[in-house]
Structures are given as C-alpha cells and as structure tokens.
C-alpha atoms as a PDB file:
ATOM      1  CA  MET A   1     -32.178  31.768 104.581  1.00  0.00           C
ATOM      2  CA  GLN A   2     -30.967  28.429 105.886  1.00  0.00           C
ATOM      3  CA  ILE A   3     -27.360  27.470 105.188  1.00  0.00           C
ATOM      4  CA  PHE A   4     -26.133  23.895 104.885  1.00  0.00           C
ATOM      5  CA  ARG A   5     -23.412  23.210 107.439  1.00  0.00           C
ATOM      6  CA  TYR A   6     -20.532  20.863 106.763  1.00  0.00           C
ATOM      7  CA  GLY A   7     -17.009  20.503 108.034  1.00  0.00           C
ATOM      8  CA  LYS A   8     -13.554  19.044 107.615  1.00  0.00           C
ATOM      9  CA  ARG A   9     -14.772  15.435 107.818  1.00  0.00           C
ATOM     10  CA  GLU A  10     -17.088  15.909 104.822  1.00  0.00           C
ATOM     11  CA  LEU A  11     -14.453  17.799 102.827  1.00  0.00           C
ATOM     12  CA  ASP A  12     -11.839  15.119 103.539  1.00  0.00           C
ATOM     13  CA  HIS A  13     -14.273  12.453 102.310  1.00  0.00           C
ATOM     14  CA  LEU A  14     -14.850  14.327  99.037  1.00  0.00           C
ATOM     15  CA  LYS A  15     -11.128  14.896  98.530  1.00  0.00           C
ATOM     16  CA  LYS A  16     -10.473  11.175  98.872  1.00  0.00           C
ATOM     17  CA  ARG A  17     -13.215  10.309  96.365  1.00  0.00           C
ATOM     18  CA  ASP A  18     -12.046  12.579  93.549  1.00  0.00           C
ATOM     19  CA  GLU A  19      -8.585  14.058  93.014  1.00  0.00           C
ATOM     20  CA  ALA A  20      -9.781  16.927  90.797  1.00  0.00           C
ATOM     21  CA  LEU A  21     -12.538  17.787  93.265  1.00  0.00           C
ATOM     22  CA  GLY A  22      -9.998  17.659  96.079  1.00  0.00           C
ATOM     23  CA  ALA A  23      -7.752  20.138  94.258  1.00  0.00           C
ATOM     24  CA  ALA A  24     -10.743  22.452  93.730  1.00  0.00           C
ATOM     25  CA  ILE A  25     -11.675  22.212  97.415  1.00  0.00           C
ATOM     26  CA  ASP A  26      -8.095  23.088  98.391  1.00  0.00           C
ATOM     27  CA  ARG A  27      -8.116  26.042  96.016  1.00  0.00           C
ATOM     28  CA  ILE A  28     -11.609  27.373  96.800  1.00  0.00           C
ATOM     29  CA  GLY A  29     -12.179  26.362 100.419  1.00  0.00           C
ATOM     30  CA  MET A  30     -15.501  26.246 102.239  1.00  0.00           C
ATOM     31  CA  LEU A  31     -18.610  27.380 100.382  1.00  0.00           C
ATOM     32  CA  GLU A  32     -22.050  28.367 101.621  1.00  0.00           C
ATOM     33  CA  PHE A  33     -25.044  26.569 100.155  1.00  0.00           C
ATOM     34  CA  GLU A  34     -28.583  27.716 100.690  1.00  0.00           C
ATOM     35  CA  VAL A  35     -30.937  25.043 101.933  1.00  0.00           C
ATOM     36  CA  VAL A  36     -34.327  24.890 100.203  1.00  0.00           C
ATOM     37  CA  PRO A  37     -36.293  22.563 102.490  1.00  0.00           C
ATOM     38  CA  ASP A  38     -39.490  22.525 100.407  1.00  0.00           C
ATOM     39  CA  LEU A  39     -39.245  19.927  97.629  1.00  0.00           C
ATOM     40  CA  LEU A  40     -41.442  21.740  95.105  1.00  0.00           C
ATOM     41  CA  ALA A  41     -39.510  24.970  95.602  1.00  0.00           C
ATOM     42  CA  SER A  42     -36.263  23.015  95.318  1.00  0.00           C
ATOM     43  CA  LEU A  43     -37.359  21.411  92.034  1.00  0.00           C
ATOM     44  CA  VAL A  44     -38.505  24.775  90.663  1.00  0.00           C
ATOM     45  CA  LYS A  45     -35.241  26.402  91.669  1.00  0.00           C
ATOM     46  CA  SER A  46     -33.371  23.517  90.058  1.00  0.00           C
ATOM     47  CA  ILE A  47     -35.168  24.133  86.766  1.00  0.00           C
ATOM     48  CA  ILE A  48     -34.535  27.871  86.999  1.00  0.00           C
ATOM     49  CA  THR A  49     -30.788  27.397  87.482  1.00  0.00           C
ATOM     50  CA  GLN A  50     -30.302  25.070  84.502  1.00  0.00           C
ATOM     51  CA  GLN A  51     -27.829  26.525  82.018  1.00  0.00           C
ATOM     52  CA  ILE A  52     -27.827  30.113  83.310  1.00  0.00           C
ATOM     53  CA  SER A  53     -25.536  32.108  85.566  1.00  0.00           C
ATOM     54  CA  THR A  54     -25.999  32.112  89.312  1.00  0.00           C
ATOM     55  CA  LYS A  55     -26.731  35.833  89.255  1.00  0.00           C
ATOM     56  CA  ALA A  56     -29.455  35.413  86.618  1.00  0.00           C
ATOM     57  CA  ALA A  57     -30.948  32.471  88.522  1.00  0.00           C
ATOM     58  CA  TRP A  58     -31.130  34.490  91.746  1.00  0.00           C
ATOM     59  CA  SER A  59     -32.817  37.350  89.898  1.00  0.00           C
ATOM     60  CA  ILE A  60     -35.445  35.013  88.428  1.00  0.00           C
ATOM     61  CA  TRP A  61     -35.986  33.214  91.742  1.00  0.00           C
ATOM     62  CA  ASN A  62     -36.459  36.522  93.556  1.00  0.00           C
ATOM     63  CA  ARG A  63     -38.881  37.724  90.850  1.00  0.00           C
ATOM     64  CA  MET A  64     -40.900  34.526  91.309  1.00  0.00           C
ATOM     65  CA  LEU A  65     -41.025  35.017  95.072  1.00  0.00           C
ATOM     66  CA  GLY A  66     -41.970  38.668  94.606  1.00  0.00           C
ATOM     67  CA  HIS A  67     -44.670  37.842  92.088  1.00  0.00           C
ATOM     68  CA  PHE A  68     -46.183  34.712  93.658  1.00  0.00           C
ATOM     69  CA  GLY A  69     -45.325  35.335  97.318  1.00  0.00           C
ATOM     70  CA  ALA A  70     -44.444  31.670  97.734  1.00  0.00           C
ATOM     71  CA  VAL A  71     -43.680  28.859  95.334  1.00  0.00           C
ATOM     72  CA  THR A  72     -46.374  26.336  96.182  1.00  0.00           C
ATOM     73  CA  PRO A  73     -48.270  23.822  94.061  1.00  0.00           C
ATOM     74  CA  ARG A  74     -51.393  25.994  94.306  1.00  0.00           C
ATOM     75  CA  THR A  75     -49.739  29.303  93.360  1.00  0.00           C
ATOM     76  CA  ILE A  76     -47.861  27.786  90.430  1.00  0.00           C
ATOM     77  CA  HIS A  77     -50.798  25.687  89.205  1.00  0.00           C
ATOM     78  CA  SER A  78     -53.138  28.692  89.241  1.00  0.00           C
ATOM     79  CA  ALA A  79     -50.691  30.839  87.260  1.00  0.00           C
ATOM     80  CA  SER A  80     -50.469  30.738  83.489  1.00  0.00           C
ATOM     81  CA  ALA A  81     -47.262  29.590  81.831  1.00  0.00           C
ATOM     82  CA  GLU A  82     -47.001  33.135  80.433  1.00  0.00           C
ATOM     83  CA  ASP A  83     -47.207  34.572  83.957  1.00  0.00           C
ATOM     84  CA  ILE A  84     -44.390  32.278  85.089  1.00  0.00           C
ATOM     85  CA  GLN A  85     -42.389  33.157  81.980  1.00  0.00           C
ATOM     86  CA  ARG A  86     -42.645  36.884  82.818  1.00  0.00           C
ATOM     87  CA  CYS A  87     -40.374  36.215  85.793  1.00  0.00           C
ATOM     88  CA  GLY A  88     -37.554  35.739  83.288  1.00  0.00           C
ATOM     89  CA  LEU A  89     -37.858  32.106  82.265  1.00  0.00           C
ATOM     90  CA  SER A  90     -38.067  30.506  78.873  1.00  0.00           C
ATOM     91  CA  MET A  91     -41.504  29.192  77.954  1.00  0.00           C
ATOM     92  CA  ARG A  92     -40.114  25.659  78.073  1.00  0.00           C
ATOM     93  CA  LYS A  93     -38.981  26.107  81.683  1.00  0.00           C
ATOM     94  CA  ALA A  94     -42.256  27.826  82.609  1.00  0.00           C
ATOM     95  CA  ARG A  95     -44.235  24.885  81.224  1.00  0.00           C
ATOM     96  CA  SER A  96     -42.019  22.385  83.032  1.00  0.00           C
ATOM     97  CA  ILE A  97     -42.546  24.173  86.329  1.00  0.00           C
ATOM     98  CA  LYS A  98     -46.281  24.318  85.715  1.00  0.00           C
ATOM     99  CA  GLU A  99     -46.347  20.585  84.898  1.00  0.00           C
ATOM    100  CA  ILE A 100     -44.731  19.712  88.226  1.00  0.00           C
ATOM    101  CA  ALA A 101     -47.330  21.779  90.104  1.00  0.00           C
ATOM    102  CA  ARG A 102     -50.128  20.157  88.073  1.00  0.00           C
ATOM    103  CA  ALA A 103     -48.829  16.681  88.913  1.00  0.00           C
ATOM    104  CA  VAL A 104     -48.785  17.553  92.619  1.00  0.00           C
ATOM    105  CA  ILE A 105     -52.264  19.126  92.568  1.00  0.00           C
ATOM    106  CA  ASN A 106     -53.742  16.191  90.622  1.00  0.00           C
ATOM    107  CA  GLY A 107     -52.177  13.651  92.991  1.00  0.00           C
ATOM    108  CA  GLU A 108     -49.893  12.161  90.331  1.00  0.00           C
ATOM    109  CA  LEU A 109     -46.851  13.180  92.384  1.00  0.00           C
ATOM    110  CA  ASN A 110     -46.972  12.969  96.174  1.00  0.00           C
ATOM    111  CA  LEU A 111     -44.053  15.029  97.424  1.00  0.00           C
ATOM    112  CA  SER A 112     -44.529  14.120 101.073  1.00  0.00           C
ATOM    113  CA  GLU A 113     -43.981  10.414 100.458  1.00  0.00           C
ATOM    114  CA  LEU A 114     -40.833  10.755  98.349  1.00  0.00           C
ATOM    115  CA  HIS A 115     -38.444  11.017 101.303  1.00  0.00           C
ATOM    116  CA  GLU A 116     -39.639   7.602 102.498  1.00  0.00           C
ATOM    117  CA  LEU A 117     -38.980   5.827  99.193  1.00  0.00           C
ATOM    118  CA  PRO A 118     -35.791   4.197  97.922  1.00  0.00           C
ATOM    119  CA  ASP A 119     -33.718   6.395  95.615  1.00  0.00           C
ATOM    120  CA  LYS A 120     -34.531   4.323  92.512  1.00  0.00           C
ATOM    121  CA  GLU A 121     -38.255   4.723  93.060  1.00  0.00           C
ATOM    122  CA  VAL A 122     -37.940   8.481  93.565  1.00  0.00           C
ATOM    123  CA  ILE A 123     -35.930   8.716  90.337  1.00  0.00           C
ATOM    124  CA  ARG A 124     -38.595   6.680  88.529  1.00  0.00           C
ATOM    125  CA  ARG A 125     -41.375   8.952  89.729  1.00  0.00           C
ATOM    126  CA  LEU A 126     -39.526  12.168  88.937  1.00  0.00           C
ATOM    127  CA  SER A 127     -38.396  10.880  85.535  1.00  0.00           C
ATOM    128  CA  SER A 128     -41.883  11.416  84.153  1.00  0.00           C
ATOM    129  CA  LEU A 129     -41.636  15.168  84.731  1.00  0.00           C
ATOM    130  CA  ASN A 130     -40.470  17.505  81.980  1.00  0.00           C
ATOM    131  CA  GLY A 131     -37.567  19.726  82.994  1.00  0.00           C
ATOM    132  CA  ILE A 132     -36.097  17.257  85.455  1.00  0.00           C
ATOM    133  CA  GLY A 133     -33.071  15.814  83.692  1.00  0.00           C
ATOM    134  CA  THR A 134     -31.000  12.855  84.823  1.00  0.00           C
ATOM    135  CA  GLY A 135     -28.833  14.880  87.165  1.00  0.00           C
ATOM    136  CA  ARG A 136     -31.827  16.718  88.623  1.00  0.00           C
ATOM    137  CA  ARG A 137     -33.750  13.469  89.161  1.00  0.00           C
ATOM    138  CA  LYS A 138     -30.800  11.966  90.964  1.00  0.00           C
ATOM    139  CA  CYS A 139     -30.049  15.120  92.936  1.00  0.00           C
ATOM    140  CA  SER A 140     -33.654  15.544  93.990  1.00  0.00           C
ATOM    141  CA  SER A 141     -33.979  11.944  95.055  1.00  0.00           C
ATOM    142  CA  TYR A 142     -31.795  12.100  98.118  1.00  0.00           C
ATOM    143  CA  SER A 143     -32.960  12.729 101.653  1.00  0.00           C
ATOM    144  CA  PRO A 144     -33.144  15.022 103.456  1.00  0.00           C
ATOM    145  CA  TRP A 145     -34.736  17.433 100.960  1.00  0.00           C
ATOM    146  CA  SER A 146     -32.900  20.313 102.527  1.00  0.00           C
ATOM    147  CA  ALA A 147     -29.487  18.866 101.684  1.00  0.00           C
ATOM    148  CA  PRO A 148     -27.636  20.789  99.010  1.00  0.00           C
ATOM    149  CA  MET A 149     -26.856  18.839  95.894  1.00  0.00           C
ATOM    150  CA  TRP A 150     -25.008  19.715  92.747  1.00  0.00           C
ATOM    151  CA  SER A 151     -23.708  17.784  89.794  1.00  0.00           C
ATOM    152  CA  ALA A 152     -20.735  17.809  87.497  1.00  0.00           C
ATOM    153  CA  GLY A 153     -21.735  15.611  84.608  1.00  0.00           C
ATOM    154  CA  GLU A 154     -22.897  12.404  86.208  1.00  0.00           C
ATOM    155  CA  THR A 155     -20.775  12.941  89.335  1.00  0.00           C
ATOM    156  CA  LEU A 156     -23.171  14.004  92.047  1.00  0.00           C
ATOM    157  CA  VAL A 157     -22.206  15.495  95.370  1.00  0.00           C
ATOM    158  CA  TYR A 158     -24.915  15.398  98.007  1.00  0.00           C
ATOM    159  CA  ALA A 159     -25.390  15.374 101.727  1.00  0.00           C
ATOM    160  CA  ARG A 160     -27.322  12.643 103.451  1.00  0.00           C
ATOM    161  CA  GLU A 161     -27.995  12.473 107.171  1.00  0.00           C
END
C-alpha cells in the first residue's frame, strides 16, 4: 500500500485557507491516506465509499480485490452487475462501476490521456458517467492520479505536484 506523504508546509497552507479545517487539523493531527495510482481503481473505490462507513468501504473493496484479483477495465467489464453487487454494493453502484469499465473498453473514455487535459475538460468527460457526482468528478480530475482527494460539500482538498 502506498501512502501519500505531506508535511507542515501543506498543513499550514490548509489552515490558512479555512479556519474550521485548521481547527480540525490542530485537533486531529497528521493522517495517513492510501494512494490509489490507477485511475479506474480510484474511480471504483470512490463509488464504493459514497455514503457508507470507512470500515464497510474497506470490506467491500477487499471483497472486490479477492473476487476479481484486480480492478481493471477488462475484469469489471466481463463481470455481471450481479457479480459486482455480490461484493456488497447496491445494484446502482454496481451498474455505475460497470458503466465506467464499459466506457473504457469501448474507447469512450481514455484514462491515459486524462492527466494531460485541463481540469475542466476532465470534468466534462467524467460528467457523462453515472456514479461520478460533482465532487467525485472534481476530485478525480486533478493530477497526479495518485494524489489523495476528499471533499466536504463543494470544498475540495487535493494534492497536486
């Protein structure tokens, strides 16, 4: 597992940008964030984590890895939505994940070119995908793909090299 590394400089920047966030940083301290360098896996994990606890999301993610071996366009596209659902997802999330893999396989979404595009264009391309809400589109649009990103409403915190 890769961990995103950050330091005092980054924390000080965030504290200056948002008083409430700064208070939370002072109270909580440094956190570890797993880096998911593969964009498809990152998008799938993002869908999994929507509106469920971290513990439940980890359980589902680990079931997917155990069942499929790897989360790739080919493995997801070849699975049925029911097979994906059996990992612990709602049918709606399973279909959304399957749609992303279909778009990649059919060439409608080229993941390798996204990191070269301006943020607005990445958001436009991802906005056509079910299961990728406004925050997810914005979070997923920033380079590098391995940077951790999370949102609080429309306030997004992300790392960019």
